[in-house]
Amino acid sequence: MKRGKKYKESAKKYNPVNNYELVEALTLVKSMAYAKFDETVDISVKLNLKKSQSVRDTVVLPHQFRGEKKVLVFCKPEKEKEAQEAGAAFVGADDLIEKVKGGWTDFDVAVATPDMMKEVGKLGMVLGRKGLMPNPKTGTVTFDLKGTLAELRKGRVEFRADKTGVIHLAVGKVSMEPGKVAENIQAVVTEIKRKRPVDVKGEFIQTVSVASSMGPGVWVAIRDQE
């Protein structure tokens, strides 16, 4: 891959084969960011998984770094007030289902009560492609709208391993203190370890790297995450 001049200059600040302590790695990422905007800090975690295994869950990050999420709630009329009082941006049933069916997805997270999933499930072509389909595994199919929306507004995010066994997740902004981004990463890694399949043999977390949106990746010493 051809790299630009700014990227190459930035990459001179570190050794690409070294494994760095977490805060040190994040400090390097911060120093190597060169874009005019506040770049996002991303983590990539390579897991030891078989093709038949998957890792997927949610985690509440200790330090928020994005604006408040717009949450849509599919629910019956008797739950609408709870959803609205909990801070949902959009609440409804058949009316919202029809709107989404037409291609509207101006929201960040979709939550549904279990009694709505028969109809919501028909929106797979729209919601599934954008990763917005409510799912019991990520806590977005629930009758506890108050508790769920409180966590989502605090910064609950979903993570999942892709087909190659890698989890990619945004964990902060370059403008944040490295220590706070480190705490977000530690929360993520703790949850990933909890989802370790029982039949995994050997090292579960194989590599961890951090990078800004435009900058080079920095390897993190695995022992810091174990």
Protein backbone atom coordinates (compact mmCIF):
# COMPACT_ATOMS: atom_id res chain seq x y z
CA MET A 1 0.00 0.00 0.00
CA LYS A 2 1.34 3.40 -1.01
CA ARG A 3 1.70 5.77 1.96
CA GLY A 4 1.73 9.54 1.91
CA LYS A 5 4.58 11.80 3.04
CA LYS A 6 2.90 12.73 6.34
CA TYR A 7 2.32 9.08 7.21
CA LYS A 8 5.95 8.19 6.49
CA GLU A 9 7.24 11.10 8.57
CA SER A 10 4.95 10.13 11.41
CA ALA A 11 6.05 6.48 11.32
CA LYS A 12 9.68 7.48 11.94
CA LYS A 13 8.78 8.20 15.58
CA TYR A 14 8.53 4.54 16.58
CA ASN A 15 9.87 1.05 15.92
CA PRO A 16 7.16 -0.93 14.07
CA VAL A 17 8.36 -4.29 15.40
CA ASN A 18 8.43 -3.31 19.09
CA ASN A 19 5.73 -4.15 21.61
CA TYR A 20 5.01 -1.14 23.82
CA GLU A 21 3.39 -0.76 27.22
CA LEU A 22 -0.23 0.32 26.75
CA VAL A 23 0.03 3.97 27.87
CA GLU A 24 3.35 4.34 26.05
CA ALA A 25 1.77 2.95 22.87
CA LEU A 26 -1.14 5.40 23.15
CA THR A 27 1.25 8.29 23.76
CA LEU A 28 3.04 7.33 20.54
CA VAL A 29 -0.27 7.14 18.67
CA LYS A 30 -1.12 10.63 19.90
CA SER A 31 2.27 12.00 18.83
CA MET A 32 2.01 10.42 15.38
CA ALA A 33 -1.48 11.74 14.56
CA TYR A 34 -1.19 14.31 11.80
CA ALA A 35 -4.70 14.91 10.45
CA LYS A 36 -6.35 18.31 10.88
CA PHE A 37 -9.35 16.69 12.59
CA ASP A 38 -9.48 14.95 15.95
CA GLU A 39 -8.67 11.40 14.88
CA THR A 40 -10.34 8.38 16.45
CA VAL A 41 -8.16 5.87 18.29
CA ASP A 42 -8.88 2.28 17.27
CA ILE A 43 -7.88 -1.03 18.79
CA SER A 44 -7.37 -4.27 16.85
CA VAL A 45 -7.34 -7.52 18.82
CA LYS A 46 -6.40 -10.76 17.05
CA LEU A 47 -7.97 -13.77 18.71
CA ASN A 48 -7.17 -17.46 18.53
CA LEU A 49 -10.51 -18.69 17.15
CA LYS A 50 -11.65 -21.58 14.99
CA LYS A 51 -13.97 -20.84 12.07
CA SER A 52 -16.89 -22.23 14.05
CA GLN A 53 -16.25 -19.94 17.03
CA SER A 54 -17.35 -16.36 17.50
CA VAL A 55 -16.91 -13.62 20.06
CA ARG A 56 -19.56 -10.94 20.32
CA ASP A 57 -20.78 -8.81 23.21
CA THR A 58 -21.09 -5.27 24.50
CA VAL A 59 -19.10 -3.19 26.96
CA VAL A 60 -19.64 0.14 28.70
CA LEU A 61 -16.55 2.29 28.16
CA PRO A 62 -15.49 4.28 31.26
CA HIS A 63 -14.83 7.42 29.19
CA GLN A 64 -17.18 8.60 26.47
CA PHE A 65 -15.74 10.24 23.40
CA ARG A 66 -18.68 10.55 21.03
CA GLY A 67 -21.81 12.61 21.05
CA GLU A 68 -24.93 11.15 22.57
CA LYS A 69 -26.36 8.31 20.50
CA LYS A 70 -29.74 8.56 18.83
CA VAL A 71 -31.61 5.47 20.01
CA LEU A 72 -34.69 4.09 18.25
CA VAL A 73 -37.01 1.84 20.24
CA PHE A 74 -39.51 -0.56 18.70
CA CYS A 75 -42.16 -1.25 21.35
CA LYS A 76 -45.87 -1.59 22.00
CA PRO A 77 -47.83 1.50 23.18
CA GLU A 78 -47.68 0.43 26.85
CA LYS A 79 -43.86 0.76 26.83
CA GLU A 80 -43.63 4.01 24.85
CA LYS A 81 -43.63 6.30 27.89
CA GLU A 82 -40.79 4.34 29.53
CA ALA A 83 -38.73 4.57 26.34
CA GLN A 84 -39.35 8.29 25.93
CA GLU A 85 -38.51 9.06 29.57
CA ALA A 86 -35.32 6.98 29.22
CA GLY A 87 -34.16 9.25 26.40
CA ALA A 88 -35.07 7.40 23.20
CA ALA A 89 -34.96 9.66 20.15
CA PHE A 90 -37.60 7.66 18.28
CA VAL A 91 -40.30 5.38 19.70
CA GLY A 92 -42.99 3.42 17.94
CA ALA A 93 -44.19 0.16 16.46
CA ASP A 94 -45.74 -0.39 13.04
CA ASP A 95 -45.22 3.23 12.02
CA LEU A 96 -41.46 3.03 12.61
CA ILE A 97 -41.22 -0.39 11.02
CA GLU A 98 -42.75 0.99 7.83
CA LYS A 99 -40.44 4.00 7.89
CA VAL A 100 -37.33 1.83 8.27
CA LYS A 101 -38.63 -0.57 5.63
CA GLY A 102 -38.49 2.40 3.25
CA GLY A 103 -34.76 2.81 3.95
CA TRP A 104 -34.74 5.37 6.78
CA THR A 105 -31.91 4.75 9.26
CA ASP A 106 -31.23 8.12 10.86
CA PHE A 107 -30.35 6.63 14.26
CA ASP A 108 -27.30 5.05 15.89
CA VAL A 109 -28.80 2.12 17.82
CA ALA A 110 -32.04 0.16 17.53
CA VAL A 111 -33.62 -1.48 20.56
CA ALA A 112 -36.72 -3.69 20.51
CA THR A 113 -38.91 -5.35 23.11
CA PRO A 114 -39.13 -9.15 22.59
CA ASP A 115 -42.80 -8.96 21.58
CA MET A 116 -41.83 -6.76 18.60
CA MET A 117 -39.13 -8.98 17.14
CA LYS A 118 -41.45 -10.99 14.87
CA GLU A 119 -42.11 -7.81 12.88
CA VAL A 120 -38.71 -6.16 13.43
CA GLY A 121 -37.05 -9.32 12.12
CA LYS A 122 -38.51 -8.55 8.71
CA LEU A 123 -36.25 -5.49 8.52
CA GLY A 124 -33.12 -7.59 8.09
CA MET A 125 -32.38 -6.23 4.61
CA VAL A 126 -32.22 -2.68 5.99
CA LEU A 127 -31.00 -3.06 9.57
CA GLY A 128 -28.79 -6.11 9.09
CA ARG A 129 -26.61 -4.52 6.43
CA LYS A 130 -25.92 -1.55 8.70
CA GLY A 131 -25.35 -3.60 11.83
CA LEU A 132 -28.42 -2.07 13.48
CA MET A 133 -30.59 -5.16 13.97
CA PRO A 134 -31.60 -5.60 17.65
CA ASN A 135 -30.05 -8.74 19.09
CA PRO A 136 -30.47 -10.50 22.47
CA LYS A 137 -26.70 -11.19 22.55
CA THR A 138 -25.95 -7.46 22.63
CA GLY A 139 -28.75 -6.60 25.06
CA THR A 140 -30.79 -4.67 22.51
CA VAL A 141 -33.79 -7.01 22.67
CA THR A 142 -35.22 -6.40 26.12
CA PHE A 143 -38.20 -5.26 28.17
CA ASP A 144 -35.82 -3.28 30.44
CA LEU A 145 -35.82 -0.14 28.32
CA LYS A 146 -34.87 2.17 31.16
CA GLY A 147 -31.75 0.21 32.11
CA THR A 148 -30.70 -0.52 28.54
CA LEU A 149 -31.00 3.08 27.36
CA ALA A 150 -29.12 4.32 30.43
CA GLU A 151 -26.16 2.08 29.52
CA LEU A 152 -26.30 3.00 25.84
CA ARG A 153 -26.24 6.69 26.70
CA LYS A 154 -23.29 6.10 29.06
CA GLY A 155 -21.27 4.66 26.21
CA ARG A 156 -22.13 1.00 25.78
CA VAL A 157 -20.66 -0.29 22.52
CA GLU A 158 -20.77 -3.59 20.69
CA PHE A 159 -17.71 -5.57 19.67
CA ARG A 160 -17.46 -8.67 17.51
CA ALA A 161 -14.74 -10.74 15.89
CA ASP A 162 -14.73 -10.70 12.10
CA LYS A 163 -14.19 -13.75 9.87
CA THR A 164 -10.43 -13.56 10.47
CA GLY A 165 -10.81 -13.53 14.26
CA VAL A 166 -10.00 -9.82 14.66
CA ILE A 167 -11.99 -7.34 16.74
CA HIS A 168 -11.78 -3.74 15.54
CA LEU A 169 -13.22 -1.09 17.84
CA ALA A 170 -13.02 2.66 18.33
CA VAL A 171 -11.90 3.35 21.91
CA GLY A 172 -11.22 7.09 22.08
CA LYS A 173 -9.99 10.26 20.44
CA VAL A 174 -6.44 11.50 19.93
CA SER A 175 -7.31 14.57 22.00
CA MET A 176 -8.02 12.42 25.07
CA GLU A 177 -5.46 11.69 27.76
CA PRO A 178 -3.68 8.39 26.96
CA GLY A 179 -4.55 7.14 30.44
CA LYS A 180 -8.28 7.49 29.80
CA VAL A 181 -8.04 5.73 26.44
CA ALA A 182 -6.05 2.99 28.19
CA GLU A 183 -8.89 2.52 30.70
CA ASN A 184 -11.34 2.13 27.81
CA ILE A 185 -9.07 -0.49 26.22
CA GLN A 186 -8.67 -2.37 29.48
CA ALA A 187 -12.48 -2.50 29.83
CA VAL A 188 -12.77 -3.90 26.31
CA VAL A 189 -10.07 -6.52 26.79
CA THR A 190 -11.59 -7.64 30.09
CA GLU A 191 -14.92 -8.27 28.35
CA ILE A 192 -13.22 -10.04 25.43
CA LYS A 193 -11.49 -12.40 27.86
CA ARG A 194 -14.84 -13.19 29.49
CA LYS A 195 -16.14 -14.35 26.12
CA ARG A 196 -13.30 -16.83 25.59
CA PRO A 197 -14.79 -20.07 24.16
CA VAL A 198 -14.26 -22.94 26.58
CA ASP A 199 -12.55 -25.10 23.96
CA VAL A 200 -9.88 -22.58 22.94
CA LYS A 201 -6.42 -24.04 23.45
CA GLY A 202 -3.34 -21.93 24.08
CA GLU A 203 -3.16 -18.16 24.01
CA PHE A 204 -6.57 -16.58 23.38
CA ILE A 205 -5.48 -12.99 22.71
CA GLN A 206 -2.67 -13.24 20.18
CA THR A 207 -1.91 -9.61 19.31
CA VAL A 208 -3.15 -6.16 20.26
CA SER A 209 -2.45 -2.99 18.32
CA VAL A 210 -3.63 0.62 18.53
CA ALA A 211 -3.70 3.32 15.89
CA SER A 212 -5.30 6.63 15.06
CA SER A 213 -7.61 6.95 12.04
CA MET A 214 -4.81 8.00 9.71
CA GLY A 215 -1.68 6.93 11.57
CA PRO A 216 0.38 3.73 11.78
CA GLY A 217 -0.47 0.89 14.13
CA VAL A 218 1.54 0.34 17.33
CA TRP A 219 1.87 -3.11 18.90
CA VAL A 220 0.91 -3.39 22.56
CA ALA A 221 2.66 -5.77 24.97
CA ILE A 222 0.16 -8.60 25.46
CA ARG A 223 1.07 -9.14 29.10
CA ASP A 224 -0.48 -5.76 29.90
CA GLN A 225 -3.82 -7.12 28.78
CA GLU A 226 -3.73 -10.51 30.47
